[in-house]
Amino acid sequence: MHPYLLNIGKFTLYTYGFFVALAFLLGFSLFLYEVRRRGFDLDTGVDIGFWVLLSAILGSRVVYVAVNIDYYINHPLRSLMIWEGGLVWYGAFFGGLIAAFIYLRSKKLDWWLWADMGIVPLALAQAVGRIGCLMAGCCYGKETTLPWGIVFIKSTIAPNGIALHPTQIYHMLFNFTIFLFLFFRRKRSAFKGELVLLYVILYGSTRSIVEIFRGDPRGFFFDGMISTSQLIGLITVAAAVPLYFYFRAKKAPEEKGKK
C-alpha cells in the first residue's frame, strides 16, 4: 500500500499517523457539535477530549507492545514509533473510558449522558482510522484466494507479495455501519447509556467476526482458538446485553407513568 503520504528530504509524513490524526479531528469535531446541540459546556467537552486522547494513545500502545513483547524486548525504541502503526483498539477504548470516567466523576457530571455523546463520534473515528491501518499494513488478514484479496508491496508489517483478506476494510465497513446506526438513533434513544451499550454489543460482535480472518500476531488463548480481542469482545458483549435489557426494562415503567 502507501505507508508514506509525503516524503521530502528528511521529513516523512506517515499515512498511518495522518489518518489517525484525521480520525481524531473528525471525531472530536462531531463530539463538540453534539455537546453544543444538547446545550452543554464546550470547555468541558474540550477537556474530556484532551484527556481521552492522551489516555487512549497510551493504552492502545501499551497493549500492542505487551502483545508483541518478544519483538519489542529486542527493539525497545521502536515501541515509541506509533506513527508506523501498532495501536490496539481495546487498549485505546479502555484507556479513554477510564480517563473519561475519572474526569466526569471529579466534575460530578452524568457519566452515561456524556458517554452517549462521545460514542457516536468514536465509531466514526474508528472507521477513518482503519484507512491508516490499510495503508500501513497493520491488522492484516490471513492468506486468501478470494478475488478481493489485497497484496502489500512496501509494508514493513504485513507479508508482502501474497493475497490477504482485507481485514482493515472489513473493520472499516463495520465501523462505519455502526456509526450510521448510532448517529440516526441518537435523537430517539430509549434511555441514557443506550448508545454506549449498543456500540459495545455491535462492535464486540463484529470485531469477533473479523478476528477470524486476521493473520497478524495479537495474542491468543485456549491453544490459539481465540484471540485476545475476541475474548475481550465476547466478555464485553456478554456484560452489555443484560445491562441493555435491564436499563430498558427499568425505563419502561417511568415512561408509562408520564402518560
Protein backbone atom coordinates (compact mmCIF):
# COMPACT_ATOMS: atom_id res chain seq x y z
CA MET A 1 0.00 0.00 0.00
CA HIS A 2 1.24 3.51 0.79
CA PRO A 3 2.91 3.72 4.22
CA TYR A 4 4.28 7.21 3.42
CA LEU A 5 1.95 10.00 2.42
CA LEU A 6 4.72 12.53 1.87
CA ASN A 7 8.50 12.29 1.83
CA ILE A 8 10.56 15.47 1.38
CA GLY A 9 14.21 15.22 2.35
CA LYS A 10 14.36 14.15 5.98
CA PHE A 11 10.66 14.89 6.53
CA THR A 12 8.31 11.93 6.30
CA LEU A 13 4.56 12.08 6.77
CA TYR A 14 3.33 8.60 7.60
CA THR A 15 -0.06 7.69 6.15
CA TYR A 16 -0.99 5.81 9.32
CA GLY A 17 -0.28 8.80 11.54
CA PHE A 18 -2.13 11.13 9.17
CA PHE A 19 -5.33 9.08 9.23
CA VAL A 20 -5.18 8.54 12.98
CA ALA A 21 -4.90 12.32 13.41
CA LEU A 22 -7.70 12.89 10.88
CA ALA A 23 -9.87 10.35 12.70
CA PHE A 24 -9.40 12.20 15.98
CA LEU A 25 -10.14 15.61 14.43
CA LEU A 26 -13.33 14.40 12.76
CA GLY A 27 -14.49 12.54 15.86
CA PHE A 28 -13.63 15.44 18.16
CA SER A 29 -15.43 17.94 15.88
CA LEU A 30 -18.56 15.79 15.84
CA PHE A 31 -18.36 15.38 19.62
CA LEU A 32 -18.21 19.16 20.15
CA TYR A 33 -21.11 19.59 17.72
CA GLU A 34 -23.14 17.14 19.78
CA VAL A 35 -22.18 18.89 23.03
CA ARG A 36 -23.33 22.22 21.58
CA ARG A 37 -26.51 20.69 20.13
CA ARG A 38 -27.52 19.41 23.55
CA GLY A 39 -26.71 22.73 25.21
CA PHE A 40 -23.76 21.62 27.36
CA ASP A 41 -20.50 23.40 28.17
CA LEU A 42 -17.98 23.29 25.29
CA ASP A 43 -14.99 23.76 27.62
CA THR A 44 -15.96 20.55 29.39
CA GLY A 45 -16.10 18.79 26.02
CA VAL A 46 -12.62 20.05 25.11
CA ASP A 47 -11.20 18.89 28.46
CA ILE A 48 -12.71 15.43 28.06
CA GLY A 49 -11.37 15.17 24.52
CA PHE A 50 -7.84 16.08 25.64
CA TRP A 51 -7.66 13.53 28.46
CA VAL A 52 -9.36 10.80 26.46
CA LEU A 53 -6.92 11.27 23.56
CA LEU A 54 -3.83 11.00 25.76
CA SER A 55 -5.14 8.00 27.68
CA ALA A 56 -6.34 6.25 24.52
CA ILE A 57 -2.97 6.56 22.77
CA LEU A 58 -1.13 5.37 25.86
CA GLY A 59 -3.49 2.45 26.48
CA SER A 60 -3.52 1.31 22.85
CA ARG A 61 0.26 1.35 22.53
CA VAL A 62 0.88 -0.35 25.88
CA VAL A 63 -1.40 -3.23 24.92
CA TYR A 64 0.16 -3.54 21.44
CA VAL A 65 3.67 -3.66 22.87
CA ALA A 66 2.58 -6.17 25.52
CA VAL A 67 1.08 -8.46 22.87
CA ASN A 68 4.27 -8.25 20.79
CA ILE A 69 6.66 -8.15 23.73
CA ASP A 70 9.19 -10.59 22.23
CA TYR A 71 9.87 -8.18 19.37
CA TYR A 72 9.99 -5.01 21.49
CA ILE A 73 12.38 -6.50 24.04
CA ASN A 74 14.91 -6.64 21.22
CA HIS A 75 13.82 -3.31 19.69
CA PRO A 76 12.77 -1.15 22.68
CA LEU A 77 12.99 2.22 20.90
CA ARG A 78 10.53 1.09 18.24
CA SER A 79 7.85 0.83 20.93
CA LEU A 80 7.65 4.65 20.76
CA MET A 81 7.15 4.81 16.96
CA ILE A 82 3.36 4.83 16.88
CA TRP A 83 3.33 6.66 13.54
CA GLU A 84 4.44 3.43 11.85
CA GLY A 85 1.33 1.59 13.06
CA GLY A 86 0.57 -0.59 16.04
CA LEU A 87 -2.30 0.58 18.23
CA VAL A 88 -4.69 -1.90 19.85
CA TRP A 89 -8.27 -0.66 19.78
CA TYR A 90 -9.41 -2.21 23.05
CA GLY A 91 -6.40 -0.67 24.79
CA ALA A 92 -7.47 2.73 23.43
CA PHE A 93 -11.11 2.13 24.35
CA PHE A 94 -10.49 1.18 27.95
CA GLY A 95 -7.76 3.80 28.37
CA GLY A 96 -10.11 6.54 27.14
CA LEU A 97 -13.00 5.10 29.13
CA ILE A 98 -11.06 5.24 32.39
CA ALA A 99 -9.90 8.82 31.73
CA ALA A 100 -13.44 9.99 30.89
CA PHE A 101 -14.89 8.23 33.94
CA ILE A 102 -12.37 9.80 36.33
CA TYR A 103 -12.87 13.26 34.82
CA LEU A 104 -16.67 13.11 34.82
CA ARG A 105 -16.80 11.76 38.37
CA SER A 106 -14.47 14.54 39.55
CA LYS A 107 -16.80 17.13 38.00
CA LYS A 108 -19.94 15.33 39.25
CA LEU A 109 -21.29 15.03 35.70
CA ASP A 110 -23.63 12.37 34.36
CA TRP A 111 -21.41 9.56 33.07
CA TRP A 112 -23.97 7.84 30.83
CA LEU A 113 -25.15 11.08 29.26
CA TRP A 114 -21.67 12.22 28.25
CA ALA A 115 -20.65 8.72 27.21
CA ASP A 116 -23.59 8.61 24.80
CA MET A 117 -22.43 11.89 23.28
CA GLY A 118 -18.92 10.57 22.83
CA ILE A 119 -19.60 7.09 21.50
CA VAL A 120 -21.08 8.14 18.14
CA PRO A 121 -18.04 10.25 17.15
CA LEU A 122 -15.85 7.41 18.38
CA ALA A 123 -17.39 5.00 15.87
CA LEU A 124 -16.73 7.49 13.05
CA ALA A 125 -13.12 7.96 14.17
CA GLN A 126 -12.62 4.20 14.15
CA ALA A 127 -13.82 3.90 10.57
CA VAL A 128 -11.46 6.64 9.37
CA GLY A 129 -8.54 5.34 11.41
CA ARG A 130 -8.81 1.94 9.73
CA ILE A 131 -7.76 3.58 6.45
CA GLY A 132 -4.41 4.23 8.14
CA CYS A 133 -4.21 0.56 9.10
CA LEU A 134 -4.78 -0.41 5.48
CA MET A 135 -2.09 1.93 4.22
CA ALA A 136 0.49 0.81 6.82
CA GLY A 137 -0.33 -2.90 6.61
CA CYS A 138 -1.06 -3.46 10.29
CA CYS A 139 -4.08 -5.55 11.37
CA TYR A 140 -3.58 -7.59 8.19
CA GLY A 141 -5.54 -10.68 7.21
CA LYS A 142 -4.82 -14.31 6.53
CA GLU A 143 -3.82 -15.51 3.09
CA THR A 144 -6.78 -15.89 0.74
CA THR A 145 -7.68 -16.88 -2.81
CA LEU A 146 -10.81 -14.72 -2.83
CA PRO A 147 -10.97 -12.15 -5.66
CA TRP A 148 -10.98 -9.20 -3.25
CA GLY A 149 -7.74 -10.20 -1.54
CA ILE A 150 -5.16 -7.42 -1.32
CA VAL A 151 -1.40 -7.62 -1.87
CA PHE A 152 1.09 -5.49 0.06
CA ILE A 153 4.31 -4.46 -1.64
CA LYS A 154 6.10 -1.99 0.64
CA SER A 155 4.71 -2.83 4.07
CA THR A 156 7.17 -3.35 6.93
CA ILE A 157 4.39 -5.06 8.92
CA ALA A 158 2.23 -7.23 6.64
CA PRO A 159 3.58 -10.08 4.49
CA ASN A 160 4.40 -8.74 1.03
CA GLY A 161 3.60 -10.30 -2.32
CA ILE A 162 0.71 -12.58 -1.29
CA ALA A 163 -3.07 -12.02 -1.36
CA LEU A 164 -4.54 -11.39 2.09
CA HIS A 165 -8.02 -10.86 3.46
CA PRO A 166 -8.57 -7.05 3.53
CA THR A 167 -9.45 -7.16 7.22
CA GLN A 168 -8.77 -3.43 7.57
CA ILE A 169 -11.59 -2.83 5.05
CA TYR A 170 -13.84 -5.30 6.88
CA HIS A 171 -13.23 -3.33 10.08
CA MET A 172 -13.82 -0.02 8.32
CA LEU A 173 -17.15 -1.09 6.80
CA PHE A 174 -18.43 -2.50 10.08
CA ASN A 175 -17.32 0.61 12.00
CA PHE A 176 -18.94 2.98 9.51
CA THR A 177 -22.18 0.99 9.60
CA ILE A 178 -22.19 1.15 13.41
CA PHE A 179 -21.57 4.90 13.22
CA LEU A 180 -24.51 5.47 10.87
CA PHE A 181 -26.82 3.35 13.01
CA LEU A 182 -25.90 5.18 16.22
CA PHE A 183 -25.95 8.59 14.53
CA PHE A 184 -29.58 8.19 13.43
CA ARG A 185 -30.51 6.52 16.71
CA ARG A 186 -29.10 9.24 18.96
CA LYS A 187 -32.15 11.56 18.85
CA ARG A 188 -34.59 8.82 19.84
CA SER A 189 -32.60 6.67 22.26
CA ALA A 190 -34.77 4.98 24.88
CA PHE A 191 -32.56 5.68 27.90
CA LYS A 192 -29.26 7.23 28.92
CA GLY A 193 -26.46 4.82 28.12
CA GLU A 194 -28.32 3.07 25.31
CA LEU A 195 -25.91 4.27 22.62
CA VAL A 196 -22.88 3.12 24.61
CA LEU A 197 -24.33 -0.33 25.25
CA LEU A 198 -25.45 -0.73 21.62
CA TYR A 199 -21.95 0.22 20.50
CA VAL A 200 -20.32 -2.33 22.81
CA ILE A 201 -22.69 -5.06 21.59
CA LEU A 202 -22.32 -4.23 17.89
CA TYR A 203 -18.59 -3.60 17.93
CA GLY A 204 -17.76 -6.61 20.10
CA SER A 205 -19.80 -8.87 17.82
CA THR A 206 -18.45 -7.57 14.51
CA ARG A 207 -14.88 -7.41 15.81
CA SER A 208 -15.07 -11.05 16.86
CA ILE A 209 -16.18 -11.95 13.33
CA VAL A 210 -13.33 -10.05 11.64
CA GLU A 211 -10.82 -11.62 14.03
CA ILE A 212 -11.48 -14.97 12.32
CA PHE A 213 -9.84 -13.59 9.18
CA ARG A 214 -6.95 -11.74 10.85
CA GLY A 215 -3.45 -13.08 10.30
CA ASP A 216 -1.28 -10.79 12.44
CA PRO A 217 0.17 -11.88 15.81
CA ARG A 218 -2.02 -10.37 18.54
CA GLY A 219 -2.14 -12.82 21.44
CA PHE A 220 -4.24 -15.94 21.80
CA PHE A 221 -5.96 -18.05 24.45
CA PHE A 222 -7.03 -21.69 24.69
CA ASP A 223 -4.27 -23.04 22.44
CA GLY A 224 -4.82 -20.46 19.74
CA MET A 225 -8.57 -20.98 19.47
CA ILE A 226 -9.49 -17.41 20.38
CA SER A 227 -7.62 -14.12 20.05
CA THR A 228 -7.22 -11.52 22.78
CA SER A 229 -9.65 -9.15 21.04
CA GLN A 230 -12.19 -11.91 20.51
CA LEU A 231 -12.08 -12.80 24.18
CA ILE A 232 -12.47 -9.16 25.25
CA GLY A 233 -15.24 -8.68 22.68
CA LEU A 234 -17.20 -11.68 23.87
CA ILE A 235 -16.83 -10.66 27.54
CA THR A 236 -17.96 -7.08 26.87
CA VAL A 237 -20.93 -8.25 24.78
CA ALA A 238 -21.93 -10.72 27.50
CA ALA A 239 -21.87 -7.86 30.02
CA ALA A 240 -23.58 -5.27 27.81
CA VAL A 241 -26.57 -7.35 26.64
CA PRO A 242 -28.13 -7.92 30.11
CA LEU A 243 -27.34 -4.31 31.06
CA TYR A 244 -29.13 -3.08 27.96
CA PHE A 245 -32.31 -5.04 28.71
CA TYR A 246 -32.12 -4.14 32.42
CA PHE A 247 -31.96 -0.39 31.72
CA ARG A 248 -34.63 -0.68 29.03
CA ALA A 249 -36.97 -2.54 31.37
CA LYS A 250 -36.25 -0.04 34.15
CA LYS A 251 -37.13 2.85 31.86
CA ALA A 252 -40.45 1.34 30.70
CA PRO A 253 -42.39 1.97 33.98
CA GLU A 254 -41.12 5.57 34.02
CA GLU A 255 -42.46 6.15 30.51
CA LYS A 256 -45.82 4.65 31.49
CA GLY A 257 -46.03 6.96 34.48
CA LYS A 258 -45.62 10.00 32.22
CA LYS A 259 -48.61 9.05 30.02
